[in-house]
Protein backbone atom coordinates (compact mmCIF):
# COMPACT_ATOMS: atom_id res chain seq x y z
CA UNK A 1 83.11 70.19 80.66
CA UNK A 2 81.65 71.67 77.49
CA UNK A 3 83.57 73.31 74.68
CA UNK A 4 84.68 76.92 75.07
CA UNK A 5 81.27 78.26 73.96
CA UNK A 6 79.71 80.58 76.57
CA UNK A 7 76.56 82.19 75.04
CA UNK A 8 76.97 85.94 74.29
CA UNK A 9 74.27 86.95 76.79
CA UNK A 10 76.20 85.33 79.64
CA UNK A 11 78.84 88.09 79.61
CA UNK A 12 76.14 90.76 79.99
CA UNK A 13 74.56 88.90 82.91
CA UNK A 14 77.92 88.23 84.55
CA UNK A 15 79.14 91.83 84.25
CA UNK A 16 75.83 93.11 85.66
CA UNK A 17 76.22 90.80 88.70
CA UNK A 18 79.78 92.00 89.31
CA UNK A 19 78.79 95.66 88.91
CA UNK A 20 76.04 95.33 91.50
CA UNK A 21 78.42 93.73 93.99
CA UNK A 22 81.10 96.37 93.47
CA UNK A 23 78.55 99.19 93.89
CA UNK A 24 77.50 97.68 97.22
CA UNK A 25 81.08 97.81 98.48
CA UNK A 26 82.31 94.25 97.92
CA UNK A 27 86.00 93.62 98.56
CA UNK A 28 85.89 89.94 97.51
CA UNK A 29 83.34 88.02 95.44
CA UNK A 30 82.63 84.30 95.96
CA UNK A 31 80.90 82.32 93.21
CA UNK A 32 80.43 78.54 93.28
CA UNK A 33 77.91 75.95 92.18
CA UNK A 34 75.23 75.11 94.71
CA UNK A 35 75.35 78.49 96.47
CA UNK A 36 73.91 81.93 95.84
CA UNK A 37 76.40 84.61 94.74
CA UNK A 38 78.17 86.07 97.77
CA UNK A 39 80.53 88.96 98.55
CA UNK A 40 82.57 90.15 101.49
CA UNK A 41 81.38 93.58 102.60
CA UNK A 42 82.93 95.28 105.65
CA UNK A 43 84.49 91.96 106.63
CA UNK A 44 81.30 89.85 106.46
CA UNK A 45 80.08 87.44 103.77
CA UNK A 46 76.77 88.67 102.35
CA UNK A 47 74.65 86.53 100.00
CA UNK A 48 72.77 87.99 97.03
CA UNK A 49 69.32 86.48 96.74
CA UNK A 50 68.27 82.85 97.16
CA UNK A 51 68.88 81.49 93.66
CA UNK A 52 71.79 79.07 93.64
CA UNK A 53 74.32 79.04 90.84
CA UNK A 54 74.48 75.91 88.69
CA UNK A 55 77.61 74.09 87.49
CA UNK A 56 76.76 75.18 83.93
CA UNK A 57 76.53 78.85 84.95
CA UNK A 58 79.87 78.64 86.74
CA UNK A 59 81.51 77.08 83.70
CA UNK A 60 80.16 79.86 81.50
CA UNK A 61 81.28 82.58 83.94
CA UNK A 62 84.82 81.19 83.85
CA UNK A 63 84.79 81.00 80.06
CA UNK A 64 83.75 84.67 79.85
CA UNK A 65 86.92 85.61 81.73
CA UNK A 66 89.17 83.19 79.81
CA UNK A 67 88.45 84.30 76.25
CA UNK A 68 90.94 82.05 74.45
CA UNK A 69 90.89 78.30 73.98
CA UNK A 70 94.50 78.19 75.21
CA UNK A 71 93.62 79.76 78.58
CA UNK A 72 90.61 77.50 78.97
CA UNK A 73 92.57 74.40 78.02
CA UNK A 74 95.34 75.24 80.51
CA UNK A 75 92.75 75.73 83.26
CA UNK A 76 91.16 72.35 82.52
CA UNK A 77 94.57 70.71 82.63
CA UNK A 78 95.94 72.37 85.79
CA UNK A 79 92.55 72.62 87.58
CA UNK A 80 93.19 76.14 88.84
CA UNK A 81 94.23 79.50 87.38
CA UNK A 82 95.08 83.05 88.47
CA UNK A 83 94.38 85.98 86.15
CA UNK A 84 92.81 89.44 85.96
CA UNK A 85 89.44 90.57 84.64
CA UNK A 86 88.25 94.13 83.98
CA UNK A 87 85.00 96.06 83.97
CA UNK A 88 86.03 99.31 82.23
CA UNK A 89 85.20 102.36 84.30
CA UNK A 90 84.15 100.20 87.25
CA UNK A 91 86.85 97.89 88.62
CA UNK A 92 89.46 95.25 87.97
CA UNK A 93 89.44 91.85 89.60
CA UNK A 94 92.19 89.50 90.69
CA UNK A 95 90.64 86.12 89.96
CA UNK A 96 91.36 82.64 91.27
CA UNK A 97 89.45 79.96 89.33
CA UNK A 98 89.46 76.44 90.74
CA UNK A 99 87.58 73.14 90.77
CA UNK A 100 85.67 71.88 93.80
CA UNK A 101 83.63 68.67 93.71
CA UNK A 102 83.91 68.61 89.94
CA UNK A 103 82.56 72.09 89.22
CA UNK A 104 84.15 75.51 88.76
CA UNK A 105 84.50 77.98 91.61
CA UNK A 106 85.62 81.61 91.47
CA UNK A 107 87.11 83.94 94.10
CA UNK A 108 87.50 87.51 92.85
CA UNK A 109 89.36 90.27 94.72
CA UNK A 110 87.97 93.70 93.77
CA UNK A 111 90.56 96.21 92.64
CA UNK A 112 88.73 99.48 92.20
CA UNK A 113 89.59 101.57 89.17
CA UNK A 114 90.67 104.66 91.07
CA UNK A 115 93.83 106.79 91.42
CA UNK A 116 96.84 105.16 93.05
CA UNK A 117 97.06 106.40 96.66
CA UNK A 118 99.90 108.64 97.77
CA UNK A 119 102.30 107.96 100.64
CA UNK A 120 100.29 110.33 102.82
CA UNK A 121 96.97 108.63 101.99
CA UNK A 122 98.45 105.25 102.92
CA UNK A 123 99.89 106.56 106.17
CA UNK A 124 103.44 105.83 105.03
CA UNK A 125 106.35 107.83 106.49
CA UNK A 126 106.96 110.38 103.75
CA UNK A 127 110.68 110.91 104.32
CA UNK A 128 111.47 107.19 104.41
CA UNK A 129 109.64 106.35 101.20
CA UNK A 130 110.93 109.45 99.46
CA UNK A 131 114.43 108.20 100.24
CA UNK A 132 113.62 104.71 98.97
CA UNK A 133 112.26 106.11 95.71
CA UNK A 134 115.53 107.97 95.02
CA UNK A 135 117.79 104.92 95.01
CA UNK A 136 119.30 104.20 91.63
CA UNK A 137 120.21 100.56 92.22
CA UNK A 138 119.72 97.72 94.67
CA UNK A 139 116.95 95.48 95.98
CA UNK A 140 114.00 96.81 97.97
CA UNK A 141 111.57 94.29 99.45
CA UNK A 142 108.14 95.03 100.87
CA UNK A 143 107.20 92.24 103.26
CA UNK A 144 104.13 91.20 105.19
CA UNK A 145 101.25 88.69 105.25
CA UNK A 146 98.58 88.37 102.57
CA UNK A 147 96.32 91.42 102.45
CA UNK A 148 98.73 93.64 104.36
CA UNK A 149 99.14 96.21 101.59
CA UNK A 150 102.38 95.13 99.90
CA UNK A 151 101.07 95.60 96.35
CA UNK A 152 99.47 98.96 97.17
CA UNK A 153 102.70 100.17 98.80
CA UNK A 154 104.72 99.27 95.69
CA UNK A 155 102.14 100.88 93.42
CA UNK A 156 102.43 104.10 95.42
CA UNK A 157 106.25 104.01 95.16
CA UNK A 158 106.19 103.46 91.41
CA UNK A 159 103.57 106.16 90.86
CA UNK A 160 105.72 108.59 92.84
CA UNK A 161 108.75 107.79 90.69
CA UNK A 162 106.65 107.88 87.51
CA UNK A 163 105.56 111.45 88.27
CA UNK A 164 109.10 112.63 89.08
CA UNK A 165 111.73 110.84 86.97
CA UNK A 166 112.29 110.25 83.26
CA UNK A 167 113.16 106.55 83.59
CA UNK A 168 112.09 103.23 82.08
CA UNK A 169 110.09 101.04 84.50
CA UNK A 170 109.25 97.40 83.71
CA UNK A 171 106.84 95.47 85.94
CA UNK A 172 106.12 91.74 86.11
CA UNK A 173 102.86 91.11 87.96
CA UNK A 174 100.43 88.29 88.76
CA UNK A 175 98.02 89.78 87.96
CA UNK A 176 98.31 93.50 87.16
CA UNK A 177 96.33 95.28 89.87
CA UNK A 178 97.23 98.98 89.57
CA UNK A 179 97.31 100.42 86.06
CA UNK A 180 100.17 102.89 85.54
CA UNK A 181 100.06 105.36 82.67
CA UNK A 182 103.15 107.13 81.39
CA UNK A 183 103.88 110.40 83.16
CA UNK A 184 107.56 111.35 83.17
CA UNK A 185 108.57 107.70 83.14
CA UNK A 186 107.99 105.02 80.53
CA UNK A 187 105.83 102.25 82.05
CA UNK A 188 105.81 98.68 80.72
CA UNK A 189 103.51 96.32 82.63
CA UNK A 190 103.57 92.57 81.91
CA UNK A 191 101.24 90.00 83.38
CA UNK A 192 102.02 86.37 84.15
CA UNK A 193 100.18 84.00 81.87
CA UNK A 194 99.11 86.60 79.32
CA UNK A 195 102.50 88.25 78.65
CA UNK A 196 105.13 85.95 80.18
CA UNK A 197 105.20 82.43 81.59
CA UNK A 198 107.06 83.10 84.85
CA UNK A 199 108.69 85.84 86.88
CA UNK A 200 112.14 84.42 86.16
CA UNK A 201 111.54 84.30 82.38
CA UNK A 202 110.02 87.77 82.37
CA UNK A 203 112.91 89.14 84.40
CA UNK A 204 115.49 87.76 82.01
CA UNK A 205 113.60 89.38 79.13
CA UNK A 206 113.27 92.65 81.06
CA UNK A 207 117.05 92.90 81.27
CA UNK A 208 117.05 93.34 77.47
CA UNK A 209 114.44 96.11 77.58
CA UNK A 210 116.71 98.93 78.79
CA UNK A 211 115.15 99.12 82.28
CA UNK A 212 116.13 101.51 85.05
CA UNK A 213 113.64 100.03 87.51
CA UNK A 214 112.13 96.54 87.62
CA UNK A 215 109.21 95.42 89.75
CA UNK A 216 108.70 91.70 90.39
CA UNK A 217 105.33 90.91 91.93
CA UNK A 218 106.65 88.28 94.30
CA UNK A 219 109.84 86.37 95.14
CA UNK A 220 108.47 82.85 94.63
CA UNK A 221 111.37 80.60 93.74
CA UNK A 222 115.13 80.24 93.53
CA UNK A 223 115.33 81.25 89.86
CA UNK A 224 113.47 84.52 90.47
CA UNK A 225 115.64 85.38 93.48
CA UNK A 226 118.84 84.72 91.52
CA UNK A 227 117.68 86.86 88.60
CA UNK A 228 116.56 89.68 90.91
CA UNK A 229 119.88 89.74 92.77
CA UNK A 230 121.76 89.74 89.46
CA UNK A 231 119.69 92.69 88.22
CA UNK A 232 120.25 94.59 91.48
CA UNK A 233 123.99 94.00 91.31
CA UNK A 234 124.29 95.20 87.72
CA UNK A 235 123.00 98.72 88.26
CA UNK A 236 119.20 98.34 88.37
CA UNK A 237 116.71 99.17 91.11
CA UNK A 238 114.56 96.12 91.82
CA UNK A 239 111.33 96.11 93.85
CA UNK A 240 109.58 92.95 95.01
CA UNK A 241 107.57 91.38 97.83
CA UNK A 242 107.92 88.50 100.30
CA UNK A 243 105.32 86.85 102.51
CA UNK A 244 107.27 87.30 105.74
CA UNK A 245 106.60 89.07 109.00
CA UNK A 246 109.76 91.13 109.41
CA UNK A 247 113.25 91.90 108.12
CA UNK A 248 114.96 89.05 109.96
CA UNK A 249 112.55 86.45 108.62
CA UNK A 250 113.06 87.89 105.13
CA UNK A 251 116.75 87.05 105.29
CA UNK A 252 116.02 83.47 106.25
CA UNK A 253 113.28 83.10 103.63
CA UNK A 254 115.57 84.16 100.79
CA UNK A 255 118.40 81.91 101.97
CA UNK A 256 116.03 78.94 102.35
CA UNK A 257 115.35 78.96 98.60
CA UNK A 258 118.89 77.63 98.11
CA UNK A 259 120.77 74.43 98.88
CA UNK A 260 123.10 74.52 101.92
CA UNK A 261 126.25 74.71 99.80
CA UNK A 262 124.86 77.76 97.94
CA UNK A 263 123.78 79.82 100.92
CA UNK A 264 127.01 81.61 101.77
CA UNK A 265 127.25 82.92 98.21
CA UNK A 266 123.65 84.13 98.36
CA UNK A 267 124.29 85.93 101.66
CA UNK A 268 127.15 87.79 100.03
CA UNK A 269 125.12 88.57 96.89
CA UNK A 270 122.15 89.81 98.94
CA UNK A 271 124.37 92.07 101.05
CA UNK A 272 125.97 93.56 97.92
CA UNK A 273 122.50 94.24 96.52
CA UNK A 274 122.05 96.78 99.35
CA UNK A 275 119.15 94.84 100.81
CA UNK A 276 116.37 96.96 102.24
CA UNK A 277 113.15 95.70 103.79
CA UNK A 278 109.86 97.25 104.82
CA UNK A 279 107.00 95.52 106.64
CA UNK A 280 103.50 96.82 106.02
CA UNK A 281 100.03 96.23 107.36
CA UNK A 282 96.52 97.64 106.88
CA UNK A 283 93.67 97.47 109.38
CA UNK A 284 90.98 96.93 106.75
CA UNK A 285 88.20 96.21 109.18
CA UNK A 286 88.23 99.88 110.20
CA UNK A 287 89.41 101.20 106.86
CA UNK A 288 92.37 102.74 108.61
CA UNK A 289 95.31 103.35 106.25
CA UNK A 290 98.74 101.88 106.96
CA UNK A 291 98.91 100.52 110.48
CA UNK A 292 102.67 100.71 110.25
CA UNK A 293 105.76 100.32 108.12
CA UNK A 294 109.23 99.35 109.25
CA UNK A 295 112.00 101.63 108.06
CA UNK A 296 114.64 100.24 105.70
CA UNK A 297 117.52 98.39 107.28
CA UNK A 298 120.96 99.73 106.57
CA UNK A 299 124.59 98.75 107.14
CA UNK A 300 124.02 96.69 110.30
CA UNK A 301 121.34 94.66 108.52
CA UNK A 302 123.60 93.89 105.56
CA UNK A 303 126.40 92.92 107.96
CA UNK A 304 124.15 90.34 109.61
CA UNK A 305 123.39 88.86 106.20
CA UNK A 306 127.09 88.37 105.52
CA UNK A 307 127.60 86.74 108.94
CA UNK A 308 124.85 84.18 108.35
CA UNK A 309 121.66 82.91 109.91
CA UNK A 310 123.02 82.55 113.44
CA UNK A 311 123.72 86.28 113.60
CA UNK A 312 120.31 87.13 112.10
CA UNK A 313 118.10 85.73 114.85
CA UNK A 314 114.63 87.08 115.19
CA UNK A 315 115.10 88.96 118.44
CA UNK A 316 115.55 92.05 116.19
CA UNK A 317 117.91 93.59 118.71
CA UNK A 318 120.05 94.98 115.91
CA UNK A 319 117.13 96.78 114.33
CA UNK A 320 115.93 98.13 117.66
CA UNK A 321 119.39 99.49 118.38
CA UNK A 322 119.53 101.00 114.91
CA UNK A 323 116.86 103.62 115.50
CA UNK A 324 119.41 106.43 115.27
CA UNK A 325 120.29 105.24 111.75
CA UNK A 326 116.68 105.47 110.57
CA UNK A 327 115.69 101.86 111.28
CA UNK A 328 112.93 100.55 113.48
CA UNK A 329 110.96 97.34 113.84
CA UNK A 330 107.31 96.83 113.00
CA UNK A 331 106.46 96.59 116.72
CA UNK A 332 108.31 99.82 117.47
CA UNK A 333 106.14 101.57 114.91
CA UNK A 334 102.99 100.07 116.41
CA UNK A 335 104.04 101.43 119.80
CA UNK A 336 104.52 104.85 118.23
CA UNK A 337 101.04 104.73 116.66
CA UNK A 338 99.52 103.89 120.05
CA UNK A 339 101.45 106.70 121.74
CA UNK A 340 100.23 109.15 119.08
CA UNK A 341 96.62 108.05 119.54
CA UNK A 342 96.32 106.62 116.03
CA UNK A 343 95.69 103.02 117.16
CA UNK A 344 94.30 101.46 120.33
CA UNK A 345 96.36 99.00 122.37
CA UNK A 346 94.20 95.94 121.67
CA UNK A 347 94.42 96.48 117.92
CA UNK A 348 98.18 96.92 118.13
CA UNK A 349 98.61 93.73 120.18
CA UNK A 350 96.69 91.72 117.57
CA UNK A 351 98.96 93.03 114.79
CA UNK A 352 102.26 92.70 116.67
CA UNK A 353 105.08 90.39 115.66
CA UNK A 354 105.98 89.98 119.35
CA UNK A 355 103.07 91.02 121.63
CA UNK A 356 105.28 90.69 124.71
CA UNK A 357 107.90 93.12 123.35
CA UNK A 358 105.18 95.52 122.21
CA UNK A 359 103.55 95.50 125.64
CA UNK A 360 106.88 96.44 127.24
CA UNK A 361 107.38 99.28 124.74
CA UNK A 362 103.87 100.64 125.35
CA UNK A 363 104.42 100.51 129.12
CA UNK A 364 107.72 102.39 128.77
CA UNK A 365 106.06 105.02 126.57
CA UNK A 366 103.33 105.63 129.16
CA UNK A 367 105.81 106.82 131.80
């Protein structure tokens, strides 16, 4: 590895390459030594030209995006890094830099510089998310697999609150994907690495910044969960995400961060935080907004948390029975989308948490 000395013309060349890919509709950009630049467009990897990138070019590209010696030195030490990069007026990128076979590789998710979508544009149930946005305290989790729309859903919620309420909102993100400008609210956005070293550290600092609402990009570890629950219990509204499939799995995931002797206390703390969960998904291949979102779980859900894991099994019977209280499962919402003609059955079955249960629901709806 050379010193942190990328030639000035490299940035111009690199930005021009990114601009071309974005203009062609790239969702993800793949750059690595020994291969031509490539991008994912409409779900397929497309290569740009025949000229293969060299290890030296890749090193320079990474240096362009890591402008300080500290960032570069940390990358060389840890051998991978996550950060954001911007092309003003064009797009932002969520970047993962890594080493493979001794040379630098880059994967860049394109985050277009465009207005934050509304609930309606995302296909979110307006009344449900309007209700969520009006809570003054507690913990609201948006759950789902990678790429399902968790970050976009939270951005839409915060933008809705920003336009309506004169509150102080502090976000901790890795990296910042949606840029929020002050409307009625005060917006403070902090990025891991550049502004704070960890979610747990940033959250402890946020508690001294007079927040009404706190967003934590992801529940990653025990310390972050503890700090989030503490904030939710002391009069703040906390938003975050989990990589889980549904509300029941979310309970287990949170509890699994802790040692066995700590878990009963965490169940009680989570229940007191007025736990609410929403599962989201996006069918990107067809550019169809919001394939479905589970409604927030209420009293019955919190009761199961207090009673422990055995009572929170993943059959989701409690949520299915709770439809009259405004709750429904992800699969129930898929069945509704099929019945309304907004999704075909094959697509719904591929997205389902339990294809067997979904098939039964779709059969019942057809009678």
